[in-house]
Amino acid sequence: MKTLKITFIIVFLVGFYSCSITKNKNYIKIVGVADYSKAGAVVITNENQRAYFLDGMDPWVGDIVGKKLVVTGLLQKVDMDSLYKDQPLMQRVFGIKYTILRPKWKYARDDD
């Protein structure tokens, strides 16, 4: 019984430690402008004009489009070309698609 408890504790700690490493490694904070996309909410950064899609969010509506935002979350990069390499051409994202998982956003201040 004691061995089972120790094993459980070790497995729990290893799993917990692994999750925190992944979370910190992929954490991102961006500042950009909300833009409209049929694929969902997107923010375009000022520095490199890169589009970041916000996972699970519908397209921006109303006054949010064009506003400066700060977005945080976990970064996921997917090579869309290799994902669809054997598929016929269709309307889709080409190149690397940057998605922010579990996004949290707020309006940016002047100093952001």
PDB file of N, CA and C in Angstrom:
ATOM      1  N   MET A   1       0.814  -1.192   0.000  1.00  0.00           N
ATOM      2  CA  MET A   1       0.000   0.000   0.000  1.00  0.00           C
ATOM      3  C   MET A   1       0.865   1.266   0.000  1.00  0.00           C
ATOM      4  N   LYS A   2       1.963   1.231   0.772  1.00  0.00           N
ATOM      5  CA  LYS A   2       2.860   2.384   0.839  1.00  0.00           C
ATOM      6  C   LYS A   2       3.515   2.628  -0.523  1.00  0.00           C
ATOM      7  N   THR A   3       3.884   1.560  -1.217  1.00  0.00           N
ATOM      8  CA  THR A   3       4.491   1.674  -2.542  1.00  0.00           C
ATOM      9  C   THR A   3       3.503   2.303  -3.522  1.00  0.00           C
ATOM     10  N   LEU A   4       2.240   1.921  -3.420  1.00  0.00           N
ATOM     11  CA  LEU A   4       1.207   2.477  -4.300  1.00  0.00           C
ATOM     12  C   LEU A   4       1.059   3.979  -4.070  1.00  0.00           C
ATOM     13  N   LYS A   5       1.070   4.429  -2.827  1.00  0.00           N
ATOM     14  CA  LYS A   5       0.962   5.859  -2.519  1.00  0.00           C
ATOM     15  C   LYS A   5       2.156   6.631  -3.060  1.00  0.00           C
ATOM     16  N   ILE A   6       3.348   6.086  -2.878  1.00  0.00           N
ATOM     17  CA  ILE A   6       4.565   6.753  -3.365  1.00  0.00           C
ATOM     18  C   ILE A   6       4.537   6.839  -4.888  1.00  0.00           C
ATOM     19  N   THR A   7       4.133   5.755  -5.543  1.00  0.00           N
ATOM     20  CA  THR A   7       4.037   5.736  -6.999  1.00  0.00           C
ATOM     21  C   THR A   7       3.049   6.801  -7.472  1.00  0.00           C
ATOM     22  N   PHE A   8       1.892   6.876  -6.819  1.00  0.00           N
ATOM     23  CA  PHE A   8       0.883   7.869  -7.187  1.00  0.00           C
ATOM     24  C   PHE A   8       1.435   9.287  -7.044  1.00  0.00           C
ATOM     25  N   ILE A   9       2.120   9.559  -5.960  1.00  0.00           N
ATOM     26  CA  ILE A   9       2.680  10.891  -5.722  1.00  0.00           C
ATOM     27  C   ILE A   9       3.715  11.233  -6.788  1.00  0.00           C
ATOM     28  N   ILE A  10       4.576  10.285  -7.122  1.00  0.00           N
ATOM     29  CA  ILE A  10       5.608  10.519  -8.141  1.00  0.00           C
ATOM     30  C   ILE A  10       4.966  10.805  -9.496  1.00  0.00           C
ATOM     31  N   VAL A  11       3.976  10.000  -9.877  1.00  0.00           N
ATOM     32  CA  VAL A  11       3.296  10.194 -11.161  1.00  0.00           C
ATOM     33  C   VAL A  11       2.612  11.560 -11.190  1.00  0.00           C
ATOM     34  N   PHE A  12       1.952  11.923 -10.088  1.00  0.00           N
ATOM     35  CA  PHE A  12       1.277  13.221 -10.009  1.00  0.00           C
ATOM     36  C   PHE A  12       2.271  14.368 -10.170  1.00  0.00           C
ATOM     37  N   LEU A  13       3.387  14.309  -9.451  1.00  0.00           N
ATOM     38  CA  LEU A  13       4.369  15.388  -9.511  1.00  0.00           C
ATOM     39  C   LEU A  13       5.008  15.503 -10.889  1.00  0.00           C
ATOM     40  N   VAL A  14       5.327  14.377 -11.500  1.00  0.00           N
ATOM     41  CA  VAL A  14       5.913  14.398 -12.848  1.00  0.00           C
ATOM     42  C   VAL A  14       4.917  15.006 -13.839  1.00  0.00           C
ATOM     43  N   GLY A  15       3.652  14.589 -13.756  1.00  0.00           N
ATOM     44  CA  GLY A  15       2.626  15.137 -14.644  1.00  0.00           C
ATOM     45  C   GLY A  15       2.425  16.623 -14.430  1.00  0.00           C
ATOM     46  N   PHE A  16       2.364  17.052 -13.192  1.00  0.00           N
ATOM     47  CA  PHE A  16       2.193  18.469 -12.863  1.00  0.00           C
ATOM     48  C   PHE A  16       3.376  19.285 -13.369  1.00  0.00           C
ATOM     49  N   TYR A  17       4.582  18.800 -13.141  1.00  0.00           N
ATOM     50  CA  TYR A  17       5.793  19.508 -13.582  1.00  0.00           C
ATOM     51  C   TYR A  17       5.828  19.621 -15.104  1.00  0.00           C
ATOM     52  N   SER A  18       5.452  18.549 -15.806  1.00  0.00           N
ATOM     53  CA  SER A  18       5.451  18.566 -17.276  1.00  0.00           C
ATOM     54  C   SER A  18       4.477  19.600 -17.810  1.00  0.00           C
ATOM     55  N   CYS A  19       3.285  19.676 -17.192  1.00  0.00           N
ATOM     56  CA  CYS A  19       2.281  20.643 -17.647  1.00  0.00           C
ATOM     57  C   CYS A  19       2.790  22.061 -17.458  1.00  0.00           C
ATOM     58  N   SER A  20       3.434  22.342 -16.339  1.00  0.00           N
ATOM     59  CA  SER A  20       3.894  23.706 -16.133  1.00  0.00           C
ATOM     60  C   SER A  20       5.014  24.081 -17.094  1.00  0.00           C
ATOM     61  N   ILE A  21       5.860  23.141 -17.444  1.00  0.00           N
ATOM     62  CA  ILE A  21       6.936  23.437 -18.403  1.00  0.00           C
ATOM     63  C   ILE A  21       6.318  23.789 -19.752  1.00  0.00           C
ATOM     64  N   THR A  22       5.359  22.988 -20.213  1.00  0.00           N
ATOM     65  CA  THR A  22       4.728  23.238 -21.503  1.00  0.00           C
ATOM     66  C   THR A  22       4.032  24.596 -21.507  1.00  0.00           C
ATOM     67  N   LYS A  23       3.329  24.898 -20.440  1.00  0.00           N
ATOM     68  CA  LYS A  23       2.596  26.158 -20.379  1.00  0.00           C
ATOM     69  C   LYS A  23       3.549  27.343 -20.474  1.00  0.00           C
ATOM     70  N   ASN A  24       4.629  27.307 -19.735  1.00  0.00           N
ATOM     71  CA  ASN A  24       5.574  28.427 -19.752  1.00  0.00           C
ATOM     72  C   ASN A  24       6.323  28.514 -21.075  1.00  0.00           C
ATOM     73  N   LYS A  25       6.619  27.379 -21.673  1.00  0.00           N
ATOM     74  CA  LYS A  25       7.399  27.359 -22.906  1.00  0.00           C
ATOM     75  C   LYS A  25       6.626  27.994 -24.068  1.00  0.00           C
ATOM     76  N   ASN A  26       5.314  27.776 -24.132  1.00  0.00           N
ATOM     77  CA  ASN A  26       4.519  28.248 -25.263  1.00  0.00           C
ATOM     78  C   ASN A  26       3.735  29.522 -24.963  1.00  0.00           C
ATOM     79  N   TYR A  27       3.898  30.093 -23.777  1.00  0.00           N
ATOM     80  CA  TYR A  27       3.144  31.286 -23.405  1.00  0.00           C
ATOM     81  C   TYR A  27       3.571  32.454 -24.285  1.00  0.00           C
ATOM     82  N   ILE A  28       2.588  33.233 -24.726  1.00  0.00           N
ATOM     83  CA  ILE A  28       2.891  34.365 -25.595  1.00  0.00           C
ATOM     84  C   ILE A  28       2.019  35.554 -25.202  1.00  0.00           C
ATOM     85  N   LYS A  29       2.567  36.731 -25.414  1.00  0.00           N
ATOM     86  CA  LYS A  29       1.821  37.979 -25.235  1.00  0.00           C
ATOM     87  C   LYS A  29       2.065  38.810 -26.477  1.00  0.00           C
ATOM     88  N   ILE A  30       0.989  39.200 -27.144  1.00  0.00           N
ATOM     89  CA  ILE A  30       1.127  40.018 -28.353  1.00  0.00           C
ATOM     90  C   ILE A  30       0.315  41.299 -28.201  1.00  0.00           C
ATOM     91  N   VAL A  31       0.722  42.304 -28.949  1.00  0.00           N
ATOM     92  CA  VAL A  31      -0.027  43.556 -29.053  1.00  0.00           C
ATOM     93  C   VAL A  31      -0.277  43.769 -30.532  1.00  0.00           C
ATOM     94  N   GLY A  32      -1.539  43.984 -30.881  1.00  0.00           N
ATOM     95  CA  GLY A  32      -1.869  44.174 -32.281  1.00  0.00           C
ATOM     96  C   GLY A  32      -3.259  44.737 -32.455  1.00  0.00           C
ATOM     97  N   VAL A  33      -3.718  44.708 -33.691  1.00  0.00           N
ATOM     98  CA  VAL A  33      -5.008  45.290 -34.038  1.00  0.00           C
ATOM     99  C   VAL A  33      -5.984  44.175 -34.407  1.00  0.00           C
ATOM    100  N   ALA A  34      -7.188  44.250 -33.841  1.00  0.00           N
ATOM    101  CA  ALA A  34      -8.231  43.274 -34.162  1.00  0.00           C
ATOM    102  C   ALA A  34      -8.641  43.450 -35.620  1.00  0.00           C
ATOM    103  N   ASP A  35      -8.745  42.330 -36.330  1.00  0.00           N
ATOM    104  CA  ASP A  35      -9.130  42.385 -37.739  1.00  0.00           C
ATOM    105  C   ASP A  35     -10.182  41.317 -38.002  1.00  0.00           C
ATOM    106  N   TYR A  36     -10.940  41.505 -39.091  1.00  0.00           N
ATOM    107  CA  TYR A  36     -12.008  40.565 -39.425  1.00  0.00           C
ATOM    108  C   TYR A  36     -11.454  39.408 -40.254  1.00  0.00           C
ATOM    109  N   SER A  37     -11.904  38.204 -39.940  1.00  0.00           N
ATOM    110  CA  SER A  37     -11.576  37.019 -40.723  1.00  0.00           C
ATOM    111  C   SER A  37     -12.727  36.030 -40.597  1.00  0.00           C
ATOM    112  N   LYS A  38     -13.111  35.399 -41.703  1.00  0.00           N
ATOM    113  CA  LYS A  38     -14.164  34.387 -41.640  1.00  0.00           C
ATOM    114  C   LYS A  38     -13.765  33.218 -40.744  1.00  0.00           C
ATOM    115  N   ALA A  39     -12.465  32.992 -40.624  1.00  0.00           N
ATOM    116  CA  ALA A  39     -11.960  31.856 -39.843  1.00  0.00           C
ATOM    117  C   ALA A  39     -12.077  32.079 -38.331  1.00  0.00           C
ATOM    118  N   GLY A  40     -12.400  33.290 -37.905  1.00  0.00           N
ATOM    119  CA  GLY A  40     -12.523  33.572 -36.478  1.00  0.00           C
ATOM    120  C   GLY A  40     -11.783  34.841 -36.108  1.00  0.00           C
ATOM    121  N   ALA A  41     -11.738  35.114 -34.801  1.00  0.00           N
ATOM    122  CA  ALA A  41     -11.074  36.326 -34.312  1.00  0.00           C
ATOM    123  C   ALA A  41      -9.589  36.264 -34.648  1.00  0.00           C
ATOM    124  N   VAL A  42      -9.066  37.363 -35.139  1.00  0.00           N
ATOM    125  CA  VAL A  42      -7.656  37.436 -35.503  1.00  0.00           C
ATOM    126  C   VAL A  42      -7.102  38.788 -35.051  1.00  0.00           C
ATOM    127  N   VAL A  43      -5.823  38.774 -34.650  1.00  0.00           N
ATOM    128  CA  VAL A  43      -5.120  39.995 -34.267  1.00  0.00           C
ATOM    129  C   VAL A  43      -3.859  40.081 -35.116  1.00  0.00           C
ATOM    130  N   ILE A  44      -3.647  41.236 -35.742  1.00  0.00           N
ATOM    131  CA  ILE A  44      -2.478  41.462 -36.585  1.00  0.00           C
ATOM    132  C   ILE A  44      -1.472  42.287 -35.766  1.00  0.00           C
ATOM    133  N   THR A  45      -0.254  41.752 -35.611  1.00  0.00           N
ATOM    134  CA  THR A  45       0.750  42.468 -34.827  1.00  0.00           C
ATOM    135  C   THR A  45       1.311  43.643 -35.618  1.00  0.00           C
ATOM    136  N   ASN A  46       1.728  44.661 -34.895  1.00  0.00           N
ATOM    137  CA  ASN A  46       2.286  45.856 -35.524  1.00  0.00           C
ATOM    138  C   ASN A  46       3.699  45.612 -36.026  1.00  0.00           C
ATOM    139  N   GLU A  47       4.480  44.806 -35.277  1.00  0.00           N
ATOM    140  CA  GLU A  47       5.897  44.621 -35.589  1.00  0.00           C
ATOM    141  C   GLU A  47       6.131  43.938 -36.927  1.00  0.00           C
ATOM    142  N   ASN A  48       5.505  42.776 -37.120  1.00  0.00           N
ATOM    143  CA  ASN A  48       5.793  41.991 -38.320  1.00  0.00           C
ATOM    144  C   ASN A  48       4.560  41.690 -39.170  1.00  0.00           C
ATOM    145  N   GLN A  49       3.444  42.327 -38.847  1.00  0.00           N
ATOM    146  CA  GLN A  49       2.199  42.127 -39.596  1.00  0.00           C
ATOM    147  C   GLN A  49       1.772  40.660 -39.644  1.00  0.00           C
ATOM    148  N   ARG A  50       2.101  39.902 -38.586  1.00  0.00           N
ATOM    149  CA  ARG A  50       1.721  38.500 -38.514  1.00  0.00           C
ATOM    150  C   ARG A  50       0.308  38.383 -37.957  1.00  0.00           C
ATOM    151  N   ALA A  51      -0.481  37.470 -38.531  1.00  0.00           N
ATOM    152  CA  ALA A  51      -1.847  37.233 -38.067  1.00  0.00           C
ATOM    153  C   ALA A  51      -1.842  36.111 -37.027  1.00  0.00           C
ATOM    154  N   TYR A  52      -2.451  36.373 -35.881  1.00  0.00           N
ATOM    155  CA  TYR A  52      -2.618  35.377 -34.833  1.00  0.00           C
ATOM    156  C   TYR A  52      -4.105  35.112 -34.676  1.00  0.00           C
ATOM    157  N   PHE A  53      -4.522  33.864 -34.896  1.00  0.00           N
ATOM    158  CA  PHE A  53      -5.909  33.478 -34.723  1.00  0.00           C
ATOM    159  C   PHE A  53      -6.153  33.136 -33.261  1.00  0.00           C
ATOM    160  N   LEU A  54      -7.312  33.515 -32.730  1.00  0.00           N
ATOM    161  CA  LEU A  54      -7.653  33.255 -31.338  1.00  0.00           C
ATOM    162  C   LEU A  54      -8.579  32.050 -31.284  1.00  0.00           C
ATOM    163  N   ASP A  55      -8.083  30.964 -30.735  1.00  0.00           N
ATOM    164  CA  ASP A  55      -8.786  29.689 -30.712  1.00  0.00           C
ATOM    165  C   ASP A  55     -10.141  29.798 -30.019  1.00  0.00           C
ATOM    166  N   GLY A  56     -11.156  29.243 -30.665  1.00  0.00           N
ATOM    167  CA  GLY A  56     -12.481  29.156 -30.067  1.00  0.00           C
ATOM    168  C   GLY A  56     -13.286  30.437 -30.086  1.00  0.00           C
ATOM    169  N   MET A  57     -12.794  31.455 -30.737  1.00  0.00           N
ATOM    170  CA  MET A  57     -13.511  32.732 -30.755  1.00  0.00           C
ATOM    171  C   MET A  57     -14.089  33.017 -32.140  1.00  0.00           C
ATOM    172  N   ASP A  58     -15.307  33.512 -32.151  1.00  0.00           N
ATOM    173  CA  ASP A  58     -15.954  33.918 -33.396  1.00  0.00           C
ATOM    174  C   ASP A  58     -15.290  35.184 -33.934  1.00  0.00           C
ATOM    175  N   PRO A  59     -15.541  35.498 -35.214  1.00  0.00           N
ATOM    176  CA  PRO A  59     -14.971  36.733 -35.769  1.00  0.00           C
ATOM    177  C   PRO A  59     -15.382  37.946 -34.938  1.00  0.00           C
ATOM    178  N   TRP A  60     -14.477  38.932 -34.877  1.00  0.00           N
ATOM    179  CA  TRP A  60     -14.799  40.171 -34.163  1.00  0.00           C
ATOM    180  C   TRP A  60     -15.988  40.843 -34.833  1.00  0.00           C
ATOM    181  N   VAL A  61     -16.792  41.503 -34.052  1.00  0.00           N
ATOM    182  CA  VAL A  61     -17.928  42.247 -34.598  1.00  0.00           C
ATOM    183  C   VAL A  61     -17.947  43.649 -33.995  1.00  0.00           C
ATOM    184  N   GLY A  62     -18.616  44.543 -34.681  1.00  0.00           N
ATOM    185  CA  GLY A  62     -18.827  45.883 -34.142  1.00  0.00           C
ATOM    186  C   GLY A  62     -17.565  46.701 -34.020  1.00  0.00           C
ATOM    187  N   ASP A  63     -17.483  47.424 -32.904  1.00  0.00           N
ATOM    188  CA  ASP A  63     -16.416  48.402 -32.704  1.00  0.00           C
ATOM    189  C   ASP A  63     -15.050  47.808 -32.388  1.00  0.00           C
ATOM    190  N   ILE A  64     -14.963  46.503 -32.134  1.00  0.00           N
ATOM    191  CA  ILE A  64     -13.667  45.909 -31.773  1.00  0.00           C
ATOM    192  C   ILE A  64     -12.716  45.900 -32.965  1.00  0.00           C
ATOM    193  N   VAL A  65     -13.241  45.682 -34.170  1.00  0.00           N
ATOM    194  CA  VAL A  65     -12.402  45.654 -35.369  1.00  0.00           C
ATOM    195  C   VAL A  65     -11.672  46.990 -35.491  1.00  0.00           C
ATOM    196  N   GLY A  66     -10.345  46.912 -35.633  1.00  0.00           N
ATOM    197  CA  GLY A  66      -9.516  48.101 -35.774  1.00  0.00           C
ATOM    198  C   GLY A  66      -8.968  48.628 -34.455  1.00  0.00           C
ATOM    199  N   LYS A  67      -9.386  48.053 -33.344  1.00  0.00           N
ATOM    200  CA  LYS A  67      -8.897  48.495 -32.028  1.00  0.00           C
ATOM    201  C   LYS A  67      -7.608  47.777 -31.675  1.00  0.00           C
ATOM    202  N   LYS A  68      -6.764  48.451 -30.908  1.00  0.00           N
ATOM    203  CA  LYS A  68      -5.502  47.872 -30.446  1.00  0.00           C
ATOM    204  C   LYS A  68      -5.779  46.997 -29.219  1.00  0.00           C
ATOM    205  N   LEU A  69      -5.298  45.741 -29.265  1.00  0.00           N
ATOM    206  CA  LEU A  69      -5.548  44.774 -28.200  1.00  0.00           C
ATOM    207  C   LEU A  69      -4.250  44.166 -27.689  1.00  0.00           C
ATOM    208  N   VAL A  70      -4.294  43.660 -26.472  1.00  0.00           N
ATOM    209  CA  VAL A  70      -3.233  42.836 -25.894  1.00  0.00           C
ATOM    210  C   VAL A  70      -3.836  41.454 -25.712  1.00  0.00           C
ATOM    211  N   VAL A  71      -3.159  40.427 -26.245  1.00  0.00           N
ATOM    212  CA  VAL A  71      -3.662  39.057 -26.155  1.00  0.00           C
ATOM    213  C   VAL A  71      -2.584  38.175 -25.539  1.00  0.00           C
ATOM    214  N   THR A  72      -2.999  37.320 -24.604  1.00  0.00           N
ATOM    215  CA  THR A  72      -2.089  36.337 -24.007  1.00  0.00           C
ATOM    216  C   THR A  72      -2.688  34.955 -24.163  1.00  0.00           C
ATOM    217  N   GLY A  73      -1.824  33.944 -24.144  1.00  0.00           N
ATOM    218  CA  GLY A  73      -2.274  32.561 -24.249  1.00  0.00           C
ATOM    219  C   GLY A  73      -1.114  31.657 -24.627  1.00  0.00           C
ATOM    220  N   LEU A  74      -1.447  30.473 -25.075  1.00  0.00           N
ATOM    221  CA  LEU A  74      -0.447  29.487 -25.487  1.00  0.00           C
ATOM    222  C   LEU A  74      -0.347  29.470 -27.004  1.00  0.00           C
ATOM    223  N   LEU A  75       0.870  29.569 -27.516  1.00  0.00           N
ATOM    224  CA  LEU A  75       1.081  29.624 -28.961  1.00  0.00           C
ATOM    225  C   LEU A  75       1.131  28.230 -29.571  1.00  0.00           C
ATOM    226  N   GLN A  76       0.378  28.077 -30.659  1.00  0.00           N
ATOM    227  CA  GLN A  76       0.421  26.837 -31.450  1.00  0.00           C
ATOM    228  C   GLN A  76       0.750  27.230 -32.888  1.00  0.00           C
ATOM    229  N   LYS A  77       1.776  26.577 -33.458  1.00  0.00           N
ATOM    230  CA  LYS A  77       2.147  26.819 -34.858  1.00  0.00           C
ATOM    231  C   LYS A  77       1.857  25.549 -35.648  1.00  0.00           C
ATOM    232  N   VAL A  78       1.161  25.700 -36.775  1.00  0.00           N
ATOM    233  CA  VAL A  78       0.845  24.555 -37.627  1.00  0.00           C
ATOM    234  C   VAL A  78       1.252  24.886 -39.053  1.00  0.00           C
ATOM    235  N   ASP A  79       2.032  23.999 -39.669  1.00  0.00           N
ATOM    236  CA  ASP A  79       2.433  24.155 -41.070  1.00  0.00           C
ATOM    237  C   ASP A  79       1.264  23.680 -41.932  1.00  0.00           C
ATOM    238  N   MET A  80       0.477  24.612 -42.401  1.00  0.00           N
ATOM    239  CA  MET A  80      -0.737  24.290 -43.156  1.00  0.00           C
ATOM    240  C   MET A  80      -0.425  23.649 -44.504  1.00  0.00           C
ATOM    241  N   ASP A  81       0.726  23.979 -45.094  1.00  0.00           N
ATOM    242  CA  ASP A  81       1.078  23.397 -46.391  1.00  0.00           C
ATOM    243  C   ASP A  81       1.263  21.886 -46.283  1.00  0.00           C
ATOM    244  N   SER A  82       1.948  21.436 -45.232  1.00  0.00           N
ATOM    245  CA  SER A  82       2.152  19.997 -45.078  1.00  0.00           C
ATOM    246  C   SER A  82       0.872  19.300 -44.624  1.00  0.00           C
ATOM    247  N   LEU A  83       0.010  20.025 -43.937  1.00  0.00           N
ATOM    248  CA  LEU A  83      -1.251  19.452 -43.470  1.00  0.00           C
ATOM    249  C   LEU A  83      -2.175  19.109 -44.634  1.00  0.00           C
ATOM    250  N   TYR A  84      -2.147  19.949 -45.681  1.00  0.00           N
ATOM    251  CA  TYR A  84      -3.041  19.762 -46.829  1.00  0.00           C
ATOM    252  C   TYR A  84      -2.293  19.387 -48.103  1.00  0.00           C
ATOM    253  N   LYS A  85      -1.103  18.798 -48.000  1.00  0.00           N
ATOM    254  CA  LYS A  85      -0.277  18.585 -49.201  1.00  0.00           C
ATOM    255  C   LYS A  85      -0.909  17.644 -50.223  1.00  0.00           C
ATOM    256  N   ASP A  86      -1.719  16.684 -49.794  1.00  0.00           N
ATOM    257  CA  ASP A  86      -2.344  15.752 -50.737  1.00  0.00           C
ATOM    258  C   ASP A  86      -3.790  16.116 -51.045  1.00  0.00           C
ATOM    259  N   GLN A  87      -4.213  17.307 -50.663  1.00  0.00           N
ATOM    260  CA  GLN A  87      -5.592  17.751 -50.869  1.00  0.00           C
ATOM    261  C   GLN A  87      -5.658  18.677 -52.089  1.00  0.00           C
ATOM    262  N   PRO A  88      -6.820  18.726 -52.739  1.00  0.00           N
ATOM    263  CA  PRO A  88      -6.963  19.685 -53.841  1.00  0.00           C
ATOM    264  C   PRO A  88      -6.942  21.119 -53.301  1.00  0.00           C
ATOM    265  N   LEU A  89      -6.578  22.060 -54.167  1.00  0.00           N
ATOM    266  CA  LEU A  89      -6.544  23.464 -53.754  1.00  0.00           C
ATOM    267  C   LEU A  89      -7.943  23.933 -53.376  1.00  0.00           C
ATOM    268  N   MET A  90      -8.007  24.688 -52.307  1.00  0.00           N
ATOM    269  CA  MET A  90      -9.275  25.250 -51.841  1.00  0.00           C
ATOM    270  C   MET A  90      -8.972  26.511 -51.049  1.00  0.00           C
ATOM    271  N   GLN A  91     -10.007  27.187 -50.615  1.00  0.00           N
ATOM    272  CA  GLN A  91      -9.803  28.383 -49.799  1.00  0.00           C
ATOM    273  C   GLN A  91      -9.314  27.945 -48.420  1.00  0.00           C
ATOM    274  N   ARG A  92      -8.102  28.376 -48.063  1.00  0.00           N
ATOM    275  CA  ARG A  92      -7.516  27.976 -46.786  1.00  0.00           C
ATOM    276  C   ARG A  92      -6.333  28.870 -46.461  1.00  0.00           C
ATOM    277  N   VAL A  93      -5.766  28.657 -45.277  1.00  0.00           N
ATOM    278  CA  VAL A  93      -4.575  29.391 -44.861  1.00  0.00           C
ATOM    279  C   VAL A  93      -3.344  28.680 -45.428  1.00  0.00           C
ATOM    280  N   PHE A  94      -2.408  29.437 -46.000  1.00  0.00           N
ATOM    281  CA  PHE A  94      -1.175  28.869 -46.521  1.00  0.00           C
ATOM    282  C   PHE A  94      -0.027  29.224 -45.588  1.00  0.00           C
ATOM    283  N   GLY A  95       1.006  28.391 -45.586  1.00  0.00           N
ATOM    284  CA  GLY A  95       2.174  28.656 -44.739  1.00  0.00           C
ATOM    285  C   GLY A  95       1.920  28.254 -43.296  1.00  0.00           C
ATOM    286  N   ILE A  96       2.533  28.976 -42.366  1.00  0.00           N
ATOM    287  CA  ILE A  96       2.401  28.682 -40.944  1.00  0.00           C
ATOM    288  C   ILE A  96       1.192  29.432 -40.386  1.00  0.00           C
ATOM    289  N   LYS A  97       0.321  28.714 -39.699  1.00  0.00           N
ATOM    290  CA  LYS A  97      -0.835  29.338 -39.037  1.00  0.00           C
ATOM    291  C   LYS A  97      -0.507  29.455 -37.549  1.00  0.00           C
ATOM    292  N   TYR A  98      -0.548  30.675 -37.056  1.00  0.00           N
ATOM    293  CA  TYR A  98      -0.271  30.947 -35.646  1.00  0.00           C
ATOM    294  C   TYR A  98      -1.606  31.078 -34.913  1.00  0.00           C
ATOM    295  N   THR A  99      -1.812  30.210 -33.925  1.00  0.00           N
ATOM    296  CA  THR A  99      -3.054  30.219 -33.158  1.00  0.00           C
ATOM    297  C   THR A  99      -2.719  30.387 -31.684  1.00  0.00           C
ATOM    298  N   ILE A 100      -3.477  31.219 -31.000  1.00  0.00           N
ATOM    299  CA  ILE A 100      -3.310  31.384 -29.563  1.00  0.00           C
ATOM    300  C   ILE A 100      -4.412  30.594 -28.873  1.00  0.00           C
ATOM    301  N   LEU A 101      -3.994  29.558 -28.147  1.00  0.00           N
ATOM    302  CA  LEU A 101      -4.933  28.716 -27.416  1.00  0.00           C
ATOM    303  C   LEU A 101      -5.253  29.343 -26.067  1.00  0.00           C
ATOM    304  N   ARG A 102      -6.462  29.131 -25.602  1.00  0.00           N
ATOM    305  CA  ARG A 102      -6.937  29.710 -24.335  1.00  0.00           C
ATOM    306  C   ARG A 102      -6.647  31.217 -24.271  1.00  0.00           C
ATOM    307  N   PRO A 103      -7.067  31.957 -25.306  1.00  0.00           N
ATOM    308  CA  PRO A 103      -6.722  33.381 -25.360  1.00  0.00           C
ATOM    309  C   PRO A 103      -7.468  34.213 -24.319  1.00  0.00           C
ATOM    310  N   LYS A 104      -6.763  35.199 -23.815  1.00  0.00           N
ATOM    311  CA  LYS A 104      -7.351  36.230 -22.965  1.00  0.00           C
ATOM    312  C   LYS A 104      -6.957  37.555 -23.602  1.00  0.00           C
ATOM    313  N   TRP A 105      -7.940  38.437 -23.795  1.00  0.00           N
ATOM    314  CA  TRP A 105      -7.635  39.694 -24.453  1.00  0.00           C
ATOM    315  C   TRP A 105      -8.210  40.862 -23.666  1.00  0.00           C
ATOM    316  N   LYS A 106      -7.596  42.027 -23.909  1.00  0.00           N
ATOM    317  CA  LYS A 106      -8.073  43.277 -23.328  1.00  0.00           C
ATOM    318  C   LYS A 106      -7.671  44.407 -24.265  1.00  0.00           C
ATOM    319  N   TYR A 107      -8.344  45.533 -24.116  1.00  0.00           N
ATOM    320  CA  TYR A 107      -7.952  46.698 -24.904  1.00  0.00           C
ATOM    321  C   TYR A 107      -6.579  47.168 -24.437  1.00  0.00           C
ATOM    322  N   ALA A 108      -5.744  47.550 -25.391  1.00  0.00           N
ATOM    323  CA  ALA A 108      -4.390  48.014 -25.073  1.00  0.00           C
ATOM    324  C   ALA A 108      -4.425  49.448 -24.562  1.00  0.00           C
ATOM    325  N   ARG A 109      -3.502  49.747 -23.683  1.00  0.00           N
ATOM    326  CA  ARG A 109      -3.316  51.124 -23.220  1.00  0.00           C
ATOM    327  C   ARG A 109      -2.329  51.806 -24.148  1.00  0.00           C
ATOM    328  N   ASP A 110      -2.153  53.088 -23.984  1.00  0.00           N
ATOM    329  CA  ASP A 110      -1.231  53.852 -24.851  1.00  0.00           C
ATOM    330  C   ASP A 110       0.206  53.369 -24.720  1.00  0.00           C
ATOM    331  N   ASP A 111       0.585  52.862 -23.515  1.00  0.00           N
ATOM    332  CA  ASP A 111       1.977  52.439 -23.313  1.00  0.00           C
ATOM    333  C   ASP A 111       2.231  50.983 -23.694  1.00  0.00           C
ATOM    334  N   ASP A 112       1.235  50.263 -24.195  1.00  0.00           N
ATOM    335  CA  ASP A 112       1.425  48.854 -24.626  1.00  0.00           C
ATOM    336  C   ASP A 112       2.011  48.793 -26.014  1.00  0.00           C
TER     337      ASP A 112
END
